[in-house]
Amino acid sequence: MGWLQNIRREILRFLLKLMWTIGGHHDSVDGLPRIRGGALQSLLPKLAPGDLLLLGNNGLLSHIGVYIGEGKMIHSMATEKTMRGWLGSTRDAIARMLGASERFTGVIEETLDHFFERFERDTWVVLRHPELSPEAAARGIEHLHALVGKPYDYDFMPGDDSYYCTEIADAFLRAALGEAAPVLPTTHHRVPLLLDRDVLEPAKVLELTELQPVAANEAARQRYAEHLRSLPGPAPSPRLPAEATAEQR
């Protein structure tokens, strides 16, 4: 059955890269301005190694990475680009079939500035485990460094040698905290003939009572107000981005 699983994985890989490269709504539709790299400079002093960075577009959190200090994070990416539209995404797919390579997929380390400049995002939340000591964070980050270069897990198979973004967060917490690591919630996904398993979803990490929100932007406060009430500052306005669509895990 190994060959069948490989076929399923390749089909999922093609479909996910195609869809997630297309992207979601533009700023003119969702009303949420894109965040550029330099805009996060004021946030960096508030971050600590081991913080979890929930990121997304169109007001939805669909990606997660681990902050490792010095303005950098380690995360796993399925696609190198987004917001390419149908035409751009199709061109990229053809280029890949012709042998074009992608530098920024799989488990990678990069600066926040670089990520936000190359990949459109308008929503973010920072989460922190209050019992995570500097020593534990260093232990978890060391483990993540060993995973850099691993491929993206397009079929979301647990226990293999590839990783999707929330698996990286889970791997960090387990390496850092051992048996004290929180159990990340899962959602069952079924795609006939292709996928039928529980998947760790980035936004579900917000539900963990063991993690505390440290900071969030206005778009996240609007959409996820129930989970971000403990953050200081004025209550978010009731407006929510219309018809937002998650496009990258």
Protein backbone atom coordinates (compact mmCIF):
# COMPACT_ATOMS: atom_id res chain seq x y z
CA MET A 1 0.00 0.00 0.00
CA GLY A 2 3.04 2.30 0.11
CA TRP A 3 2.71 3.17 -3.58
CA LEU A 4 -0.94 4.13 -3.10
CA GLN A 5 -0.09 6.42 -0.20
CA ASN A 6 2.61 8.04 -2.32
CA ILE A 7 0.10 8.69 -5.10
CA ARG A 8 -2.35 10.23 -2.63
CA ARG A 9 0.41 12.40 -1.18
CA GLU A 10 1.43 13.69 -4.60
CA ILE A 11 -2.17 14.49 -5.53
CA LEU A 12 -2.65 16.36 -2.24
CA ARG A 13 0.65 18.14 -2.77
CA PHE A 14 -0.44 19.35 -6.22
CA LEU A 15 -3.89 20.46 -5.06
CA LEU A 16 -2.75 22.19 -1.88
CA LYS A 17 0.06 24.07 -3.59
CA LEU A 18 -2.34 25.15 -6.33
CA MET A 19 -5.05 26.35 -3.93
CA TRP A 20 -2.81 27.96 -1.31
CA THR A 21 -0.76 29.76 -3.96
CA ILE A 22 -3.97 31.29 -5.34
CA GLY A 23 -4.56 32.94 -1.96
CA GLY A 24 -7.60 34.68 -0.50
CA HIS A 25 -9.26 38.09 -0.78
CA HIS A 26 -7.34 41.26 -1.56
CA ASP A 27 -7.24 44.20 0.86
CA SER A 28 -9.91 46.03 -1.14
CA VAL A 29 -12.33 43.19 -0.39
CA ASP A 30 -11.59 42.24 3.22
CA GLY A 31 -10.66 45.76 4.36
CA LEU A 32 -7.60 44.47 6.23
CA PRO A 33 -4.29 46.02 5.18
CA ARG A 34 -1.34 43.80 4.48
CA ILE A 35 1.38 43.78 7.15
CA ARG A 36 4.87 44.54 5.87
CA GLY A 37 8.01 43.32 7.60
CA GLY A 38 9.12 46.65 9.01
CA ALA A 39 5.77 47.12 10.75
CA LEU A 40 6.68 44.43 13.30
CA GLN A 41 9.84 46.10 14.61
CA SER A 42 8.00 47.48 17.64
CA LEU A 43 6.78 43.96 18.48
CA LEU A 44 10.20 42.29 18.55
CA PRO A 45 11.25 43.56 22.02
CA LYS A 46 8.11 41.96 23.47
CA LEU A 47 8.86 38.53 22.03
CA ALA A 48 10.72 35.75 23.82
CA PRO A 49 12.34 32.65 22.31
CA GLY A 50 9.73 29.91 22.32
CA ASP A 51 6.74 32.16 21.66
CA LEU A 52 4.25 30.73 19.18
CA LEU A 53 3.36 33.02 16.28
CA LEU A 54 -0.11 32.47 14.82
CA LEU A 55 -0.39 34.13 11.42
CA GLY A 56 -2.95 34.44 8.68
CA ASN A 57 -4.71 36.46 6.02
CA ASN A 58 -8.27 37.76 5.55
CA GLY A 59 -8.61 37.94 9.34
CA LEU A 60 -8.12 34.20 9.82
CA LEU A 61 -5.24 32.41 11.53
CA SER A 62 -4.05 29.63 9.24
CA HIS A 63 -0.32 29.30 9.97
CA ILE A 64 1.95 28.93 13.00
CA GLY A 65 5.67 29.30 13.62
CA VAL A 66 8.03 29.30 16.60
CA TYR A 67 9.98 32.44 17.46
CA ILE A 68 13.63 31.60 18.10
CA GLY A 69 15.00 35.05 18.93
CA GLU A 70 16.90 37.75 17.00
CA GLY A 71 13.85 38.46 14.85
CA LYS A 72 13.73 34.92 13.43
CA MET A 73 11.29 32.03 13.43
CA ILE A 74 11.27 28.39 12.39
CA HIS A 75 8.16 27.15 10.59
CA SER A 76 7.04 24.84 7.81
CA MET A 77 5.65 26.18 4.54
CA ALA A 78 3.66 24.34 1.87
CA THR A 79 4.08 27.08 -0.73
CA GLU A 80 6.64 29.77 -1.41
CA LYS A 81 4.10 32.36 -2.56
CA THR A 82 0.46 33.28 -2.09
CA MET A 83 -2.06 35.75 -3.54
CA ARG A 84 -0.99 34.75 -7.06
CA GLY A 85 -4.54 34.22 -8.34
CA TRP A 86 -5.61 31.43 -10.64
CA LEU A 87 -3.38 32.48 -13.52
CA GLY A 88 -0.25 32.98 -11.42
CA SER A 89 -0.84 29.78 -9.48
CA THR A 90 -1.26 27.79 -12.70
CA ARG A 91 1.94 29.28 -14.11
CA ASP A 92 3.79 28.35 -10.92
CA ALA A 93 2.44 24.78 -11.11
CA ILE A 94 3.64 24.44 -14.70
CA ALA A 95 7.04 25.83 -13.74
CA ARG A 96 7.35 23.24 -10.96
CA MET A 97 6.46 20.45 -13.37
CA LEU A 98 9.24 21.71 -15.64
CA GLY A 99 11.74 21.50 -12.81
CA ALA A 100 11.62 24.92 -11.15
CA SER A 101 12.71 24.75 -7.52
CA GLU A 102 11.36 26.55 -4.44
CA ARG A 103 13.69 27.84 -1.74
CA PHE A 104 11.18 28.62 0.98
CA THR A 105 9.12 25.46 1.46
CA GLY A 106 9.33 22.72 4.05
CA VAL A 107 10.85 23.45 7.46
CA ILE A 108 12.78 26.72 7.21
CA GLU A 109 14.34 29.40 9.37
CA GLU A 110 13.83 33.01 8.32
CA THR A 111 13.38 36.49 9.73
CA LEU A 112 9.91 37.84 10.39
CA ASP A 113 10.70 40.77 8.11
CA HIS A 114 11.54 38.44 5.23
CA PHE A 115 8.44 36.30 5.73
CA PHE A 116 6.02 39.23 5.83
CA GLU A 117 7.64 40.82 2.78
CA ARG A 118 7.33 37.69 0.63
CA PHE A 119 4.06 36.24 1.95
CA GLU A 120 0.94 38.37 2.42
CA ARG A 121 -0.44 38.33 5.98
CA ASP A 122 -2.82 40.69 7.79
CA THR A 123 -3.51 38.86 11.06
CA TRP A 124 -1.25 37.73 13.92
CA VAL A 125 -1.32 36.53 17.53
CA VAL A 126 1.58 35.75 19.88
CA LEU A 127 1.08 32.93 22.41
CA ARG A 128 3.38 31.96 25.28
CA HIS A 129 3.56 29.05 27.70
CA PRO A 130 3.97 30.65 31.15
CA GLU A 131 6.00 27.70 32.47
CA LEU A 132 8.48 27.74 29.60
CA SER A 133 11.88 28.53 31.10
CA PRO A 134 14.77 29.87 28.98
CA GLU A 135 16.44 26.47 29.33
CA ALA A 136 13.34 24.65 28.12
CA ALA A 137 12.93 27.08 25.22
CA ALA A 138 16.56 26.52 24.22
CA ARG A 139 16.01 22.76 24.31
CA GLY A 140 12.96 23.02 22.06
CA ILE A 141 14.68 25.40 19.65
CA GLU A 142 17.68 23.10 19.39
CA HIS A 143 15.30 20.32 18.35
CA LEU A 144 13.72 22.55 15.70
CA HIS A 145 17.12 23.45 14.28
CA ALA A 146 17.61 19.72 13.66
CA LEU A 147 14.36 19.67 11.65
CA VAL A 148 15.26 22.55 9.32
CA GLY A 149 15.38 21.19 5.79
CA LYS A 150 12.71 18.53 6.34
CA PRO A 151 9.93 18.51 3.72
CA TYR A 152 6.38 19.76 4.20
CA ASP A 153 3.86 17.09 5.23
CA TYR A 154 1.30 17.39 2.43
CA ASP A 155 -0.78 14.40 3.54
CA PHE A 156 -0.72 15.40 7.23
CA MET A 157 0.53 11.96 8.24
CA PRO A 158 1.63 11.86 11.90
CA GLY A 159 4.92 10.26 12.82
CA ASP A 160 6.68 10.48 9.47
CA ASP A 161 9.76 12.55 8.64
CA SER A 162 7.89 15.52 7.16
CA TYR A 163 6.11 18.33 8.99
CA TYR A 164 3.25 20.73 8.45
CA CYS A 165 3.27 23.97 10.39
CA THR A 166 1.34 22.92 13.50
CA GLU A 167 3.45 19.78 13.78
CA ILE A 168 6.46 22.06 14.17
CA ALA A 169 4.78 23.87 17.08
CA ASP A 170 3.88 20.52 18.62
CA ALA A 171 7.43 19.21 18.16
CA PHE A 172 8.81 22.32 19.86
CA LEU A 173 6.49 22.04 22.87
CA ARG A 174 7.19 18.34 23.32
CA ALA A 175 10.97 18.80 23.10
CA ALA A 176 10.88 21.79 25.44
CA LEU A 177 8.38 20.58 28.05
CA GLY A 178 8.35 16.81 27.73
CA GLU A 179 5.35 15.22 29.43
CA ALA A 180 4.21 18.65 30.62
CA ALA A 181 3.61 19.78 27.03
CA PRO A 182 -0.03 20.63 26.26
CA VAL A 183 -1.91 18.33 23.92
CA LEU A 184 -2.81 20.25 20.79
CA PRO A 185 -6.45 19.83 19.68
CA THR A 186 -7.21 18.18 16.36
CA THR A 187 -9.95 18.41 13.75
CA HIS A 188 -10.97 15.46 11.60
CA HIS A 189 -10.63 16.08 7.87
CA ARG A 190 -11.94 13.81 5.16
CA VAL A 191 -11.38 14.14 1.43
CA PRO A 192 -12.77 11.07 -0.39
CA LEU A 193 -9.99 8.75 -1.59
CA LEU A 194 -7.28 11.20 -0.46
CA LEU A 195 -7.47 12.08 3.23
CA ASP A 196 -9.21 10.71 6.32
CA ARG A 197 -7.45 11.66 9.56
CA ASP A 198 -7.18 14.06 12.47
CA VAL A 199 -5.17 17.20 11.73
CA LEU A 200 -3.63 19.78 14.06
CA GLU A 201 -5.00 23.18 13.04
CA PRO A 202 -3.24 26.49 13.83
CA ALA A 203 -6.30 28.41 15.00
CA LYS A 204 -7.24 25.59 17.39
CA VAL A 205 -4.06 26.33 19.35
CA LEU A 206 -5.87 29.43 20.64
CA GLU A 207 -8.19 27.12 22.58
CA LEU A 208 -5.38 25.82 24.79
CA THR A 209 -5.77 27.20 28.29
CA GLU A 210 -2.12 26.36 28.99
CA LEU A 211 -1.01 29.09 26.55
CA GLN A 212 -1.41 32.79 27.20
CA PRO A 213 -1.87 35.46 24.52
CA VAL A 214 0.89 38.06 24.66
CA ALA A 215 -0.09 40.32 21.77
CA ALA A 216 -2.39 40.43 18.76
CA ASN A 217 -3.25 42.90 16.05
CA GLU A 218 -6.68 44.42 15.50
CA ALA A 219 -7.71 41.92 12.82
CA ALA A 220 -7.09 39.01 15.20
CA ARG A 221 -8.85 40.77 18.07
CA GLN A 222 -11.93 41.17 15.90
CA ARG A 223 -12.12 37.58 14.72
CA TYR A 224 -10.91 35.81 17.87
CA ALA A 225 -12.19 38.14 20.59
CA GLU A 226 -13.39 35.21 22.71
CA HIS A 227 -9.85 33.89 23.07
CA LEU A 228 -8.08 37.24 23.37
CA ARG A 229 -10.11 38.96 26.08
CA SER A 230 -7.16 38.88 28.49
CA LEU A 231 -5.08 41.18 26.30
CA PRO A 232 -4.85 44.81 27.46
CA GLY A 233 -6.21 47.59 25.32
CA PRO A 234 -9.60 48.72 24.03
CA ALA A 235 -12.21 46.19 22.98
CA PRO A 236 -12.12 45.48 19.25
CA SER A 237 -14.76 46.89 16.95
CA PRO A 238 -17.51 44.41 16.00
CA ARG A 239 -16.66 44.49 12.29
CA LEU A 240 -15.49 41.18 10.85
CA PRO A 241 -13.93 40.68 7.43
CA ALA A 242 -16.54 39.34 5.06
CA GLU A 243 -16.22 35.91 3.47
CA ALA A 244 -12.65 35.39 4.65
CA THR A 245 -10.96 32.21 3.52
CA ALA A 246 -7.99 30.42 5.11
CA GLU A 247 -5.35 29.47 2.58
CA GLN A 248 -2.13 28.37 4.25
CA ARG A 249 -1.28 26.04 7.11
